[in-house]
Amino acid sequence: MLRPTSLVVLGLIASFGLGFSCNGPKATCGIALQETAHPKARGTASGLLGLTGQLGASLAGYPLVMLQKDFGWYGVFAGLAASAAAAALVFIALASIERQREKEKGN
């Protein structure tokens, strides 16, 4: 059984991992947008990127709240684990498709 201090440390490690995983791609999207958008449209493109990011962030908690309401915190963590596993499977499938395309191009 984990002691409360172990749970606090585990929570801090999980928070660090989530922040590290989310903030890097968010900054990369902004940089990529600035380099690909037309110079006269960069401000508008940045505004739209920020708007969609904020809307997504504000709506992202609703499914977790519904899971917590219906299934408790175990349901929330199970939902997060399931979504992480699904994302990993999608990534693996896309990587294998891309590898197959590269092999076909090489031949």
C-alpha atoms as a PDB file:
ATOM      1  CA  MET A   1       0.000   0.000   0.000  1.00  0.00           C
ATOM      2  CA  LEU A   2       1.280   3.456  -0.853  1.00  0.00           C
ATOM      3  CA  ARG A   3       1.719   5.937   1.947  1.00  0.00           C
ATOM      4  CA  PRO A   4       0.251   9.462   1.574  1.00  0.00           C
ATOM      5  CA  THR A   5       3.715  10.944   1.049  1.00  0.00           C
ATOM      6  CA  SER A   6       4.320   8.467  -1.775  1.00  0.00           C
ATOM      7  CA  LEU A   7       1.028   9.517  -3.370  1.00  0.00           C
ATOM      8  CA  VAL A   8       2.016  13.186  -3.202  1.00  0.00           C
ATOM      9  CA  VAL A   9       5.352  12.453  -4.873  1.00  0.00           C
ATOM     10  CA  LEU A  10       3.588  10.335  -7.493  1.00  0.00           C
ATOM     11  CA  GLY A  11       1.136  13.182  -8.155  1.00  0.00           C
ATOM     12  CA  LEU A  12       3.981  15.671  -8.525  1.00  0.00           C
ATOM     13  CA  ILE A  13       5.799  13.397 -10.965  1.00  0.00           C
ATOM     14  CA  ALA A  14       2.604  12.920 -12.989  1.00  0.00           C
ATOM     15  CA  SER A  15       1.992  16.695 -13.056  1.00  0.00           C
ATOM     16  CA  PHE A  16       5.538  17.319 -14.250  1.00  0.00           C
ATOM     17  CA  GLY A  17       5.164  14.719 -16.983  1.00  0.00           C
ATOM     18  CA  LEU A  18       1.857  16.144 -18.184  1.00  0.00           C
ATOM     19  CA  GLY A  19       3.166  19.709 -18.231  1.00  0.00           C
ATOM     20  CA  PHE A  20       6.342  18.684 -20.012  1.00  0.00           C
ATOM     21  CA  SER A  21       4.353  16.746 -22.606  1.00  0.00           C
ATOM     22  CA  CYS A  22       1.796  19.498 -23.258  1.00  0.00           C
ATOM     23  CA  ASN A  23       3.793  22.727 -23.257  1.00  0.00           C
ATOM     24  CA  GLY A  24       6.494  21.643 -25.707  1.00  0.00           C
ATOM     25  CA  PRO A  25       4.147  20.781 -28.588  1.00  0.00           C
ATOM     26  CA  LYS A  26       2.067  23.873 -27.869  1.00  0.00           C
ATOM     27  CA  ALA A  27       5.099  26.112 -28.370  1.00  0.00           C
ATOM     28  CA  THR A  28       6.160  24.134 -31.432  1.00  0.00           C
ATOM     29  CA  CYS A  29       2.752  24.674 -33.051  1.00  0.00           C
ATOM     30  CA  GLY A  30       3.105  28.438 -32.625  1.00  0.00           C
ATOM     31  CA  ILE A  31       6.599  28.458 -34.109  1.00  0.00           C
ATOM     32  CA  ALA A  32       5.534  26.302 -37.060  1.00  0.00           C
ATOM     33  CA  LEU A  33       2.545  28.567 -37.642  1.00  0.00           C
ATOM     34  CA  GLN A  34       4.691  31.703 -37.670  1.00  0.00           C
ATOM     35  CA  GLU A  35       7.058  30.185 -40.220  1.00  0.00           C
ATOM     36  CA  THR A  36       4.379  28.864 -42.578  1.00  0.00           C
ATOM     37  CA  ALA A  37       1.801  31.659 -42.530  1.00  0.00           C
ATOM     38  CA  HIS A  38       1.951  34.584 -44.917  1.00  0.00           C
ATOM     39  CA  PRO A  39       3.688  37.576 -43.272  1.00  0.00           C
ATOM     40  CA  LYS A  40       0.525  39.702 -43.457  1.00  0.00           C
ATOM     41  CA  ALA A  41      -1.616  36.925 -41.950  1.00  0.00           C
ATOM     42  CA  ARG A  42       0.591  35.880 -39.052  1.00  0.00           C
ATOM     43  CA  GLY A  43      -1.329  37.861 -36.461  1.00  0.00           C
ATOM     44  CA  THR A  44      -4.662  36.448 -37.577  1.00  0.00           C
ATOM     45  CA  ALA A  45      -3.267  32.927 -37.716  1.00  0.00           C
ATOM     46  CA  SER A  46      -1.827  33.256 -34.213  1.00  0.00           C
ATOM     47  CA  GLY A  47      -5.151  34.548 -32.938  1.00  0.00           C
ATOM     48  CA  LEU A  48      -7.043  31.625 -34.454  1.00  0.00           C
ATOM     49  CA  LEU A  49      -4.522  29.173 -33.046  1.00  0.00           C
ATOM     50  CA  GLY A  50      -4.900  30.728 -29.606  1.00  0.00           C
ATOM     51  CA  LEU A  51      -8.699  30.723 -29.869  1.00  0.00           C
ATOM     52  CA  THR A  52      -8.895  27.066 -30.803  1.00  0.00           C
ATOM     53  CA  GLY A  53      -6.358  26.174 -28.117  1.00  0.00           C
ATOM     54  CA  GLN A  54      -8.293  28.011 -25.418  1.00  0.00           C
ATOM     55  CA  LEU A  55     -11.626  26.548 -26.522  1.00  0.00           C
ATOM     56  CA  GLY A  56     -10.168  23.065 -26.531  1.00  0.00           C
ATOM     57  CA  ALA A  57      -8.643  23.565 -23.094  1.00  0.00           C
ATOM     58  CA  SER A  58     -11.882  24.904 -21.657  1.00  0.00           C
ATOM     59  CA  LEU A  59     -13.936  22.017 -23.034  1.00  0.00           C
ATOM     60  CA  ALA A  60     -11.426  19.264 -22.288  1.00  0.00           C
ATOM     61  CA  GLY A  61     -12.412  18.946 -18.640  1.00  0.00           C
ATOM     62  CA  TYR A  62     -16.095  18.194 -19.263  1.00  0.00           C
ATOM     63  CA  PRO A  63     -15.683  14.507 -20.171  1.00  0.00           C
ATOM     64  CA  LEU A  64     -13.432  14.023 -17.139  1.00  0.00           C
ATOM     65  CA  VAL A  65     -16.032  15.646 -14.900  1.00  0.00           C
ATOM     66  CA  MET A  66     -18.685  13.299 -16.249  1.00  0.00           C
ATOM     67  CA  LEU A  67     -16.417  10.300 -15.643  1.00  0.00           C
ATOM     68  CA  GLN A  68     -15.735  11.482 -12.097  1.00  0.00           C
ATOM     69  CA  LYS A  69     -19.415  12.043 -11.448  1.00  0.00           C
ATOM     70  CA  ASP A  70     -20.471   8.605 -12.697  1.00  0.00           C
ATOM     71  CA  PHE A  71     -17.472   6.391 -11.825  1.00  0.00           C
ATOM     72  CA  GLY A  72     -15.402   8.314  -9.262  1.00  0.00           C
ATOM     73  CA  TRP A  73     -11.696   9.035  -9.474  1.00  0.00           C
ATOM     74  CA  TYR A  74     -10.891   5.502 -10.539  1.00  0.00           C
ATOM     75  CA  GLY A  75     -13.032   6.128 -13.615  1.00  0.00           C
ATOM     76  CA  VAL A  76     -11.129   9.333 -14.369  1.00  0.00           C
ATOM     77  CA  PHE A  77      -7.758   7.637 -14.162  1.00  0.00           C
ATOM     78  CA  ALA A  78      -9.016   4.643 -16.148  1.00  0.00           C
ATOM     79  CA  GLY A  79     -10.319   7.025 -18.826  1.00  0.00           C
ATOM     80  CA  LEU A  80      -7.006   8.865 -18.983  1.00  0.00           C
ATOM     81  CA  ALA A  81      -5.104   5.590 -19.206  1.00  0.00           C
ATOM     82  CA  ALA A  82      -7.437   4.330 -21.942  1.00  0.00           C
ATOM     83  CA  SER A  83      -7.046   7.525 -23.957  1.00  0.00           C
ATOM     84  CA  ALA A  84      -3.255   7.371 -23.618  1.00  0.00           C
ATOM     85  CA  ALA A  85      -3.271   3.751 -24.780  1.00  0.00           C
ATOM     86  CA  ALA A  86      -5.529   4.622 -27.721  1.00  0.00           C
ATOM     87  CA  ALA A  87      -3.234   7.499 -28.710  1.00  0.00           C
ATOM     88  CA  ALA A  88      -0.224   5.178 -28.550  1.00  0.00           C
ATOM     89  CA  LEU A  89      -1.986   2.634 -30.768  1.00  0.00           C
ATOM     90  CA  VAL A  90      -2.891   5.322 -33.306  1.00  0.00           C
ATOM     91  CA  PHE A  91       0.697   6.559 -33.307  1.00  0.00           C
ATOM     92  CA  ILE A  92       2.033   3.039 -33.832  1.00  0.00           C
ATOM     93  CA  ALA A  93      -0.434   2.452 -36.685  1.00  0.00           C
ATOM     94  CA  LEU A  94       0.507   5.736 -38.373  1.00  0.00           C
ATOM     95  CA  ALA A  95       4.215   5.003 -37.978  1.00  0.00           C
ATOM     96  CA  SER A  96       3.818   1.562 -39.551  1.00  0.00           C
ATOM     97  CA  ILE A  97       1.807   3.015 -42.443  1.00  0.00           C
ATOM     98  CA  GLU A  98       4.497   5.629 -43.014  1.00  0.00           C
ATOM     99  CA  ARG A  99       7.230   2.980 -42.879  1.00  0.00           C
ATOM    100  CA  GLN A 100       5.323   0.923 -45.463  1.00  0.00           C
ATOM    101  CA  ARG A 101       5.028   3.980 -47.754  1.00  0.00           C
ATOM    102  CA  GLU A 102       8.766   4.620 -47.427  1.00  0.00           C
ATOM    103  CA  LYS A 103       9.492   1.002 -48.392  1.00  0.00           C
ATOM    104  CA  GLU A 104       7.220   1.264 -51.426  1.00  0.00           C
ATOM    105  CA  LYS A 105       8.909   4.499 -52.515  1.00  0.00           C
ATOM    106  CA  GLY A 106      12.351   2.940 -52.189  1.00  0.00           C
ATOM    107  CA  ASN A 107      11.501  -0.008 -54.433  1.00  0.00           C
END
